[in-house]
Amino acid sequence: MKWQVLKVPEYRTKINMKKEIRVFFTAIMFFTRIPCPKWVDHSEEYLNKSAKYFPLMGWIAGGSSALVFWLSSYILPIPVCILLSMMASILITGAFHEDGLADVCDGFGGGWTKEKILLIMKDSRVGAFGAIGLILALGLKFLCLSYISQNILTFVLVLIAAHSLSRFSAITFLYTHQYAREDDESKSKPLATKLTPSQLMVAAFFGIAPLLFMGMFLKNYWVLLLVIPVFITKILLGRFFKKWIGGYTGDCLGATQQICEIIFYLSVLVLWKFI
């Protein structure tokens, strides 16, 4: 009897750990292009739970981008290194978020009703608004990073923090807003209808931890103020999406991530100027 009392909790712990590992790999499979074990699939149950690891994927994307920049900086000019680092983050995510930004630009730029906006965003083709939006976003990102790259170590910390915090701001839509599409044939279904408070806390940890580490390493906790403009941007985007389509879509999450990442870089430059 004593043996059973000790072993049952251990067995349950192992089962829960295996499930959590599968949830984590599901997040990697869905949010990145990193190969995963064959036993990982697109199970709706695990896909919903994997949303809490979205900011953690920012560690991977930002870290990979920073690694490419750091290694190439030994042999190539800095502007080239920045472009290569941007390409690395795009490749590792499969342009997942950039595609969302392009679709949002096309949808809200060319549509005047909820139905029309959703229909345009569902179209896989990129229109003029989408192309212009991507060019401006990537160009602005490149220019911001060009100034931040003056210190390589700071550049690495900023990249990881930006990718993580921007993903956390995007995933909070699952907690604060409703999914806009009502049909089952939508191109991008939500990761979850709602995040639970515990899942939101996990996402918050992975989203904010790199910024805390950045403040500790630079011995300047003013960097924590960077959370404010990022979430103001998220709130404004949330109001905009709710006004026009009544909520969010997967494309809205991708666009929010990209816009908040750029706002983070701009805020870093402003912070450095006044502090």
C-alpha atoms as a PDB file:
ATOM      1  CA  MET A   1       0.000   0.000   0.000  1.00  0.00           C
ATOM      2  CA  LYS A   2       2.879   2.316   0.858  1.00  0.00           C
ATOM      3  CA  TRP A   3       4.491   1.514  -2.506  1.00  0.00           C
ATOM      4  CA  GLN A   4       1.316   2.514  -4.366  1.00  0.00           C
ATOM      5  CA  VAL A   5       0.967   5.800  -2.494  1.00  0.00           C
ATOM      6  CA  LEU A   6       4.503   6.760  -3.468  1.00  0.00           C
ATOM      7  CA  LYS A   7       4.343   5.579  -7.065  1.00  0.00           C
ATOM      8  CA  VAL A   8       0.975   6.942  -8.208  1.00  0.00           C
ATOM      9  CA  PRO A   9       1.971  10.613  -7.812  1.00  0.00           C
ATOM     10  CA  GLU A  10       5.279   9.875  -9.559  1.00  0.00           C
ATOM     11  CA  TYR A  11       3.425   8.223 -12.436  1.00  0.00           C
ATOM     12  CA  ARG A  12       1.071  11.170 -12.765  1.00  0.00           C
ATOM     13  CA  THR A  13       4.019  13.575 -12.706  1.00  0.00           C
ATOM     14  CA  LYS A  14       5.671  11.686 -15.557  1.00  0.00           C
ATOM     15  CA  ILE A  15       2.445  11.725 -17.574  1.00  0.00           C
ATOM     16  CA  ASN A  16       2.036  15.472 -17.045  1.00  0.00           C
ATOM     17  CA  MET A  17       5.663  16.064 -17.972  1.00  0.00           C
ATOM     18  CA  LYS A  18       5.274  14.093 -21.205  1.00  0.00           C
ATOM     19  CA  LYS A  19       2.176  16.111 -22.074  1.00  0.00           C
ATOM     20  CA  GLU A  20       3.977  19.374 -21.385  1.00  0.00           C
ATOM     21  CA  ILE A  21       6.909  18.317 -23.553  1.00  0.00           C
ATOM     22  CA  ARG A  22       4.469  17.568 -26.360  1.00  0.00           C
ATOM     23  CA  VAL A  23       2.825  20.979 -25.870  1.00  0.00           C
ATOM     24  CA  PHE A  24       6.249  22.621 -26.104  1.00  0.00           C
ATOM     25  CA  PHE A  25       7.167  20.782 -29.313  1.00  0.00           C
ATOM     26  CA  THR A  26       3.762  21.665 -30.747  1.00  0.00           C
ATOM     27  CA  ALA A  27       4.622  25.322 -30.184  1.00  0.00           C
ATOM     28  CA  ILE A  28       7.934  24.825 -31.977  1.00  0.00           C
ATOM     29  CA  MET A  29       6.207  23.065 -34.882  1.00  0.00           C
ATOM     30  CA  PHE A  30       3.528  25.739 -35.255  1.00  0.00           C
ATOM     31  CA  PHE A  31       5.533  28.920 -34.621  1.00  0.00           C
ATOM     32  CA  THR A  32       8.845  27.959 -36.235  1.00  0.00           C
ATOM     33  CA  ARG A  33      10.266  25.862 -39.053  1.00  0.00           C
ATOM     34  CA  ILE A  34      12.495  23.857 -36.729  1.00  0.00           C
ATOM     35  CA  PRO A  35      12.105  20.081 -37.364  1.00  0.00           C
ATOM     36  CA  CYS A  36      10.238  18.248 -34.605  1.00  0.00           C
ATOM     37  CA  PRO A  37       9.905  14.551 -33.673  1.00  0.00           C
ATOM     38  CA  LYS A  38       7.451  12.560 -35.787  1.00  0.00           C
ATOM     39  CA  TRP A  39       5.142  11.969 -32.823  1.00  0.00           C
ATOM     40  CA  VAL A  40       4.358  15.708 -32.681  1.00  0.00           C
ATOM     41  CA  ASP A  41       1.265  16.586 -34.704  1.00  0.00           C
ATOM     42  CA  HIS A  42      -1.190  19.467 -35.080  1.00  0.00           C
ATOM     43  CA  SER A  43      -3.538  18.192 -32.390  1.00  0.00           C
ATOM     44  CA  GLU A  44      -6.077  20.908 -31.600  1.00  0.00           C
ATOM     45  CA  GLU A  45      -5.835  20.147 -27.886  1.00  0.00           C
ATOM     46  CA  TYR A  46      -2.069  20.656 -27.754  1.00  0.00           C
ATOM     47  CA  LEU A  47      -2.144  23.514 -30.252  1.00  0.00           C
ATOM     48  CA  ASN A  48      -4.443  25.471 -27.943  1.00  0.00           C
ATOM     49  CA  LYS A  49      -2.215  24.858 -24.931  1.00  0.00           C
ATOM     50  CA  SER A  50       0.958  25.757 -26.847  1.00  0.00           C
ATOM     51  CA  ALA A  51      -0.016  29.445 -27.043  1.00  0.00           C
ATOM     52  CA  LYS A  52       1.604  30.089 -23.659  1.00  0.00           C
ATOM     53  CA  TYR A  53       4.984  29.243 -25.216  1.00  0.00           C
ATOM     54  CA  PHE A  54       4.631  31.833 -27.976  1.00  0.00           C
ATOM     55  CA  PRO A  55       6.936  34.348 -26.191  1.00  0.00           C
ATOM     56  CA  LEU A  56       9.464  31.551 -25.615  1.00  0.00           C
ATOM     57  CA  MET A  57       9.650  31.137 -29.377  1.00  0.00           C
ATOM     58  CA  GLY A  58      10.877  34.738 -29.307  1.00  0.00           C
ATOM     59  CA  TRP A  59      13.924  33.505 -27.386  1.00  0.00           C
ATOM     60  CA  ILE A  60      14.601  31.094 -30.232  1.00  0.00           C
ATOM     61  CA  ALA A  61      13.942  33.544 -33.077  1.00  0.00           C
ATOM     62  CA  GLY A  62      15.728  36.449 -31.399  1.00  0.00           C
ATOM     63  CA  GLY A  63      18.585  34.245 -30.226  1.00  0.00           C
ATOM     64  CA  SER A  64      19.112  32.785 -33.699  1.00  0.00           C
ATOM     65  CA  SER A  65      19.030  36.248 -35.227  1.00  0.00           C
ATOM     66  CA  ALA A  66      21.517  37.528 -32.641  1.00  0.00           C
ATOM     67  CA  LEU A  67      23.818  34.536 -33.190  1.00  0.00           C
ATOM     68  CA  VAL A  68      23.930  35.136 -36.939  1.00  0.00           C
ATOM     69  CA  PHE A  69      24.713  38.810 -36.343  1.00  0.00           C
ATOM     70  CA  TRP A  70      27.456  38.047 -33.824  1.00  0.00           C
ATOM     71  CA  LEU A  71      29.212  35.416 -35.958  1.00  0.00           C
ATOM     72  CA  SER A  72      29.011  37.391 -39.183  1.00  0.00           C
ATOM     73  CA  SER A  73      30.234  40.581 -37.471  1.00  0.00           C
ATOM     74  CA  TYR A  74      33.765  39.126 -37.423  1.00  0.00           C
ATOM     75  CA  ILE A  75      34.041  39.002 -41.201  1.00  0.00           C
ATOM     76  CA  LEU A  76      31.353  41.260 -42.698  1.00  0.00           C
ATOM     77  CA  PRO A  77      30.302  44.931 -42.488  1.00  0.00           C
ATOM     78  CA  ILE A  78      27.702  45.656 -39.805  1.00  0.00           C
ATOM     79  CA  PRO A  79      24.869  46.623 -42.221  1.00  0.00           C
ATOM     80  CA  VAL A  80      25.265  43.265 -43.963  1.00  0.00           C
ATOM     81  CA  CYS A  81      25.242  41.486 -40.591  1.00  0.00           C
ATOM     82  CA  ILE A  82      21.995  43.217 -39.644  1.00  0.00           C
ATOM     83  CA  LEU A  83      20.349  42.147 -42.889  1.00  0.00           C
ATOM     84  CA  LEU A  84      21.534  38.564 -42.392  1.00  0.00           C
ATOM     85  CA  SER A  85      20.173  38.558 -38.832  1.00  0.00           C
ATOM     86  CA  MET A  86      16.791  39.754 -40.096  1.00  0.00           C
ATOM     87  CA  MET A  87      16.818  37.028 -42.737  1.00  0.00           C
ATOM     88  CA  ALA A  88      17.608  34.447 -40.053  1.00  0.00           C
ATOM     89  CA  SER A  89      14.557  35.370 -37.956  1.00  0.00           C
ATOM     90  CA  ILE A  90      12.350  35.299 -41.054  1.00  0.00           C
ATOM     91  CA  LEU A  91      13.644  31.915 -42.142  1.00  0.00           C
ATOM     92  CA  ILE A  92      13.309  30.299 -38.715  1.00  0.00           C
ATOM     93  CA  THR A  93       9.660  31.408 -38.452  1.00  0.00           C
ATOM     94  CA  GLY A  94       8.802  30.901 -42.112  1.00  0.00           C
ATOM     95  CA  ALA A  95       7.790  34.585 -42.425  1.00  0.00           C
ATOM     96  CA  PHE A  96       4.803  33.629 -40.256  1.00  0.00           C
ATOM     97  CA  HIS A  97       4.364  37.077 -38.716  1.00  0.00           C
ATOM     98  CA  GLU A  98       5.413  39.077 -41.766  1.00  0.00           C
ATOM     99  CA  ASP A  99       2.670  37.306 -43.707  1.00  0.00           C
ATOM    100  CA  GLY A 100       0.169  38.383 -41.059  1.00  0.00           C
ATOM    101  CA  LEU A 101       1.332  41.991 -41.320  1.00  0.00           C
ATOM    102  CA  ALA A 102       0.962  41.959 -45.107  1.00  0.00           C
ATOM    103  CA  ASP A 103      -2.534  40.465 -44.878  1.00  0.00           C
ATOM    104  CA  VAL A 104      -3.627  43.024 -42.282  1.00  0.00           C
ATOM    105  CA  CYS A 105      -2.325  45.885 -44.448  1.00  0.00           C
ATOM    106  CA  ASP A 106      -4.204  44.491 -47.445  1.00  0.00           C
ATOM    107  CA  GLY A 107      -7.377  43.747 -45.499  1.00  0.00           C
ATOM    108  CA  PHE A 108      -7.742  47.017 -43.631  1.00  0.00           C
ATOM    109  CA  GLY A 109      -6.324  49.026 -46.504  1.00  0.00           C
ATOM    110  CA  GLY A 110      -8.710  47.661 -49.105  1.00  0.00           C
ATOM    111  CA  GLY A 111     -11.790  46.664 -47.126  1.00  0.00           C
ATOM    112  CA  TRP A 112     -14.519  48.866 -45.649  1.00  0.00           C
ATOM    113  CA  THR A 113     -16.713  46.251 -44.005  1.00  0.00           C
ATOM    114  CA  LYS A 114     -15.951  43.365 -41.664  1.00  0.00           C
ATOM    115  CA  GLU A 115     -16.866  40.801 -44.320  1.00  0.00           C
ATOM    116  CA  LYS A 116     -14.691  42.454 -46.968  1.00  0.00           C
ATOM    117  CA  ILE A 117     -11.712  42.879 -44.647  1.00  0.00           C
ATOM    118  CA  LEU A 118     -11.844  39.234 -43.547  1.00  0.00           C
ATOM    119  CA  LEU A 119     -12.240  38.090 -47.154  1.00  0.00           C
ATOM    120  CA  ILE A 120      -9.173  40.046 -48.284  1.00  0.00           C
ATOM    121  CA  MET A 121      -7.069  38.793 -45.361  1.00  0.00           C
ATOM    122  CA  LYS A 122      -8.051  35.241 -46.232  1.00  0.00           C
ATOM    123  CA  ASP A 123      -6.615  35.679 -49.748  1.00  0.00           C
ATOM    124  CA  SER A 124      -3.069  34.266 -49.933  1.00  0.00           C
ATOM    125  CA  ARG A 125      -2.020  36.826 -52.535  1.00  0.00           C
ATOM    126  CA  VAL A 126      -0.167  39.964 -51.436  1.00  0.00           C
ATOM    127  CA  GLY A 127      -1.587  43.251 -52.719  1.00  0.00           C
ATOM    128  CA  ALA A 128      -0.198  46.763 -52.954  1.00  0.00           C
ATOM    129  CA  PHE A 129      -1.010  47.673 -49.342  1.00  0.00           C
ATOM    130  CA  GLY A 130       0.641  44.494 -48.098  1.00  0.00           C
ATOM    131  CA  ALA A 131       3.791  44.962 -50.176  1.00  0.00           C
ATOM    132  CA  ILE A 132       4.136  48.607 -49.151  1.00  0.00           C
ATOM    133  CA  GLY A 133       3.535  47.732 -45.499  1.00  0.00           C
ATOM    134  CA  LEU A 134       6.208  45.019 -45.530  1.00  0.00           C
ATOM    135  CA  ILE A 135       8.771  47.224 -47.262  1.00  0.00           C
ATOM    136  CA  LEU A 136       8.227  50.065 -44.803  1.00  0.00           C
ATOM    137  CA  ALA A 137       8.238  47.753 -41.774  1.00  0.00           C
ATOM    138  CA  LEU A 138      11.403  45.893 -42.758  1.00  0.00           C
ATOM    139  CA  GLY A 139      13.109  49.127 -43.779  1.00  0.00           C
ATOM    140  CA  LEU A 140      12.271  50.808 -40.477  1.00  0.00           C
ATOM    141  CA  LYS A 141      13.416  47.744 -38.570  1.00  0.00           C
ATOM    142  CA  PHE A 142      16.736  47.753 -40.443  1.00  0.00           C
ATOM    143  CA  LEU A 143      17.353  51.443 -39.755  1.00  0.00           C
ATOM    144  CA  CYS A 144      16.586  51.068 -36.032  1.00  0.00           C
ATOM    145  CA  LEU A 145      18.878  48.074 -35.701  1.00  0.00           C
ATOM    146  CA  SER A 146      21.627  49.960 -37.531  1.00  0.00           C
ATOM    147  CA  TYR A 147      21.803  52.464 -34.679  1.00  0.00           C
ATOM    148  CA  ILE A 148      21.387  49.861 -31.937  1.00  0.00           C
ATOM    149  CA  SER A 149      24.203  47.710 -33.386  1.00  0.00           C
ATOM    150  CA  GLN A 150      26.870  50.153 -32.208  1.00  0.00           C
ATOM    151  CA  ASN A 151      27.325  47.856 -29.212  1.00  0.00           C
ATOM    152  CA  ILE A 152      27.219  44.187 -30.204  1.00  0.00           C
ATOM    153  CA  LEU A 153      26.353  42.793 -26.764  1.00  0.00           C
ATOM    154  CA  THR A 154      23.558  45.309 -26.254  1.00  0.00           C
ATOM    155  CA  PHE A 155      22.317  44.527 -29.747  1.00  0.00           C
ATOM    156  CA  VAL A 156      22.032  40.830 -28.866  1.00  0.00           C
ATOM    157  CA  LEU A 157      20.074  41.565 -25.671  1.00  0.00           C
ATOM    158  CA  VAL A 158      17.759  43.985 -27.464  1.00  0.00           C
ATOM    159  CA  LEU A 159      16.991  41.462 -30.211  1.00  0.00           C
ATOM    160  CA  ILE A 160      15.970  38.700 -27.813  1.00  0.00           C
ATOM    161  CA  ALA A 161      13.931  41.057 -25.604  1.00  0.00           C
ATOM    162  CA  ALA A 162      12.162  42.579 -28.615  1.00  0.00           C
ATOM    163  CA  HIS A 163      11.178  39.227 -30.107  1.00  0.00           C
ATOM    164  CA  SER A 164       9.930  37.899 -26.757  1.00  0.00           C
ATOM    165  CA  LEU A 165       8.021  40.941 -25.525  1.00  0.00           C
ATOM    166  CA  SER A 166       6.369  41.574 -28.903  1.00  0.00           C
ATOM    167  CA  ARG A 167       5.124  37.992 -28.990  1.00  0.00           C
ATOM    168  CA  PHE A 168       3.763  38.286 -25.464  1.00  0.00           C
ATOM    169  CA  SER A 169       1.886  41.469 -26.363  1.00  0.00           C
ATOM    170  CA  ALA A 170       0.363  39.684 -29.358  1.00  0.00           C
ATOM    171  CA  ILE A 171      -0.700  36.583 -27.462  1.00  0.00           C
ATOM    172  CA  THR A 172      -2.523  38.655 -24.824  1.00  0.00           C
ATOM    173  CA  PHE A 173      -5.254  39.140 -27.444  1.00  0.00           C
ATOM    174  CA  LEU A 174      -6.315  35.592 -26.635  1.00  0.00           C
ATOM    175  CA  TYR A 175      -7.038  36.762 -23.096  1.00  0.00           C
ATOM    176  CA  THR A 176      -8.548  40.188 -23.795  1.00  0.00           C
ATOM    177  CA  HIS A 177     -10.393  39.873 -27.124  1.00  0.00           C
ATOM    178  CA  GLN A 178     -12.679  37.568 -29.073  1.00  0.00           C
ATOM    179  CA  TYR A 179     -11.785  35.761 -32.265  1.00  0.00           C
ATOM    180  CA  ALA A 180     -13.356  37.587 -35.209  1.00  0.00           C
ATOM    181  CA  ARG A 181     -13.974  34.822 -37.729  1.00  0.00           C
ATOM    182  CA  GLU A 182     -17.142  32.799 -37.447  1.00  0.00           C
ATOM    183  CA  ASP A 183     -16.525  30.308 -40.288  1.00  0.00           C
ATOM    184  CA  ASP A 184     -14.617  27.044 -40.078  1.00  0.00           C
ATOM    185  CA  GLU A 185     -12.794  27.614 -43.343  1.00  0.00           C
ATOM    186  CA  SER A 186     -10.656  30.534 -42.204  1.00  0.00           C
ATOM    187  CA  LYS A 187      -7.043  30.498 -43.309  1.00  0.00           C
ATOM    188  CA  SER A 188      -5.640  31.094 -39.832  1.00  0.00           C
ATOM    189  CA  LYS A 189      -7.577  29.712 -36.900  1.00  0.00           C
ATOM    190  CA  PRO A 190      -6.847  31.002 -33.409  1.00  0.00           C
ATOM    191  CA  LEU A 191      -4.466  29.166 -31.137  1.00  0.00           C
ATOM    192  CA  ALA A 192      -7.051  29.303 -28.375  1.00  0.00           C
ATOM    193  CA  THR A 193     -10.320  31.053 -27.771  1.00  0.00           C
ATOM    194  CA  LYS A 194      -9.008  32.284 -24.440  1.00  0.00           C
ATOM    195  CA  LEU A 195      -5.855  31.991 -22.391  1.00  0.00           C
ATOM    196  CA  THR A 196      -6.371  30.891 -18.815  1.00  0.00           C
ATOM    197  CA  PRO A 197      -4.845  33.108 -16.104  1.00  0.00           C
ATOM    198  CA  SER A 198      -2.173  30.486 -15.415  1.00  0.00           C
ATOM    199  CA  GLN A 199      -1.252  30.248 -19.107  1.00  0.00           C
ATOM    200  CA  LEU A 200      -1.092  34.026 -19.286  1.00  0.00           C
ATOM    201  CA  MET A 201       1.333  34.070 -16.361  1.00  0.00           C
ATOM    202  CA  VAL A 202       3.589  31.543 -18.080  1.00  0.00           C
ATOM    203  CA  ALA A 203       3.524  33.626 -21.256  1.00  0.00           C
ATOM    204  CA  ALA A 204       4.265  36.775 -19.225  1.00  0.00           C
ATOM    205  CA  PHE A 205       7.331  35.169 -17.676  1.00  0.00           C
ATOM    206  CA  PHE A 206       8.805  34.154 -21.027  1.00  0.00           C
ATOM    207  CA  GLY A 207       7.880  37.525 -22.524  1.00  0.00           C
ATOM    208  CA  ILE A 208       9.328  39.796 -19.831  1.00  0.00           C
ATOM    209  CA  ALA A 209      12.258  37.727 -18.493  1.00  0.00           C
ATOM    210  CA  PRO A 210      14.685  38.735 -21.311  1.00  0.00           C
ATOM    211  CA  LEU A 211      13.949  42.404 -20.620  1.00  0.00           C
ATOM    212  CA  LEU A 212      14.633  41.900 -16.906  1.00  0.00           C
ATOM    213  CA  PHE A 213      17.900  40.159 -17.751  1.00  0.00           C
ATOM    214  CA  MET A 214      18.762  43.025 -20.096  1.00  0.00           C
ATOM    215  CA  GLY A 215      18.223  45.517 -17.269  1.00  0.00           C
ATOM    216  CA  MET A 216      20.334  43.451 -14.852  1.00  0.00           C
ATOM    217  CA  PHE A 217      23.177  43.006 -17.326  1.00  0.00           C
ATOM    218  CA  LEU A 218      23.267  46.659 -18.397  1.00  0.00           C
ATOM    219  CA  LYS A 219      22.698  47.752 -14.776  1.00  0.00           C
ATOM    220  CA  ASN A 220      19.984  50.072 -16.017  1.00  0.00           C
ATOM    221  CA  TYR A 221      16.436  49.186 -14.992  1.00  0.00           C
ATOM    222  CA  TRP A 222      15.038  52.099 -16.959  1.00  0.00           C
ATOM    223  CA  VAL A 223      14.767  49.575 -19.800  1.00  0.00           C
ATOM    224  CA  LEU A 224      11.691  48.154 -18.055  1.00  0.00           C
ATOM    225  CA  LEU A 225       9.891  51.269 -19.260  1.00  0.00           C
ATOM    226  CA  LEU A 226      10.008  49.726 -22.731  1.00  0.00           C
ATOM    227  CA  VAL A 227       7.012  47.620 -21.718  1.00  0.00           C
ATOM    228  CA  ILE A 228       4.822  50.738 -21.703  1.00  0.00           C
ATOM    229  CA  PRO A 229       4.987  51.788 -25.389  1.00  0.00           C
ATOM    230  CA  VAL A 230       4.733  48.165 -26.504  1.00  0.00           C
ATOM    231  CA  PHE A 231       1.495  47.573 -24.611  1.00  0.00           C
ATOM    232  CA  ILE A 232       0.078  50.974 -25.493  1.00  0.00           C
ATOM    233  CA  THR A 233       0.555  49.885 -29.102  1.00  0.00           C
ATOM    234  CA  LYS A 234      -1.187  46.595 -28.383  1.00  0.00           C
ATOM    235  CA  ILE A 235      -4.131  48.389 -26.769  1.00  0.00           C
ATOM    236  CA  LEU A 236      -4.495  50.783 -29.703  1.00  0.00           C
ATOM    237  CA  LEU A 237      -4.314  47.932 -32.198  1.00  0.00           C
ATOM    238  CA  GLY A 238      -6.886  46.024 -30.145  1.00  0.00           C
ATOM    239  CA  ARG A 239      -9.313  48.933 -30.302  1.00  0.00           C
ATOM    240  CA  PHE A 240      -8.728  49.290 -34.035  1.00  0.00           C
ATOM    241  CA  PHE A 241      -9.316  45.588 -34.733  1.00  0.00           C
ATOM    242  CA  LYS A 242     -12.392  45.493 -32.516  1.00  0.00           C
ATOM    243  CA  LYS A 243     -13.865  48.546 -34.221  1.00  0.00           C
ATOM    244  CA  TRP A 244     -13.563  47.111 -37.717  1.00  0.00           C
ATOM    245  CA  ILE A 245     -13.876  43.319 -37.337  1.00  0.00           C
ATOM    246  CA  GLY A 246     -15.052  42.824 -33.763  1.00  0.00           C
ATOM    247  CA  GLY A 247     -11.925  41.070 -32.513  1.00  0.00           C
ATOM    248  CA  TYR A 248      -8.716  39.510 -33.789  1.00  0.00           C
ATOM    249  CA  THR A 249      -7.574  36.916 -36.304  1.00  0.00           C
ATOM    250  CA  GLY A 250      -4.327  35.004 -36.664  1.00  0.00           C
ATOM    251  CA  ASP A 251      -3.149  37.657 -39.099  1.00  0.00           C
ATOM    252  CA  CYS A 252      -3.848  40.335 -36.497  1.00  0.00           C
ATOM    253  CA  LEU A 253      -1.591  38.518 -34.048  1.00  0.00           C
ATOM    254  CA  GLY A 254       1.210  38.375 -36.603  1.00  0.00           C
ATOM    255  CA  ALA A 255       0.815  42.057 -37.446  1.00  0.00           C
ATOM    256  CA  THR A 256       0.769  42.980 -33.754  1.00  0.00           C
ATOM    257  CA  GLN A 257       4.010  41.084 -33.183  1.00  0.00           C
ATOM    258  CA  GLN A 258       5.744  42.870 -36.042  1.00  0.00           C
ATOM    259  CA  ILE A 259       4.485  46.331 -35.115  1.00  0.00           C
ATOM    260  CA  CYS A 260       5.276  45.899 -31.418  1.00  0.00           C
ATOM    261  CA  GLU A 261       8.774  44.658 -32.279  1.00  0.00           C
ATOM    262  CA  ILE A 262       9.406  47.827 -34.287  1.00  0.00           C
ATOM    263  CA  ILE A 263       7.925  49.991 -31.516  1.00  0.00           C
ATOM    264  CA  PHE A 264      10.341  48.299 -29.106  1.00  0.00           C
ATOM    265  CA  TYR A 265      13.340  49.251 -31.268  1.00  0.00           C
ATOM    266  CA  LEU A 266      12.102  52.821 -31.667  1.00  0.00           C
ATOM    267  CA  SER A 267      11.549  53.071 -27.914  1.00  0.00           C
ATOM    268  CA  VAL A 268      15.092  51.843 -27.263  1.00  0.00           C
ATOM    269  CA  LEU A 269      16.455  54.677 -29.394  1.00  0.00           C
ATOM    270  CA  VAL A 270      14.260  57.226 -27.611  1.00  0.00           C
ATOM    271  CA  LEU A 271      15.254  55.859 -24.189  1.00  0.00           C
ATOM    272  CA  TRP A 272      18.949  56.065 -25.037  1.00  0.00           C
ATOM    273  CA  LYS A 273      18.544  59.688 -26.095  1.00  0.00           C
ATOM    274  CA  PHE A 274      17.030  60.889 -22.840  1.00  0.00           C
ATOM    275  CA  ILE A 275      18.642  58.553 -20.273  1.00  0.00           C
END
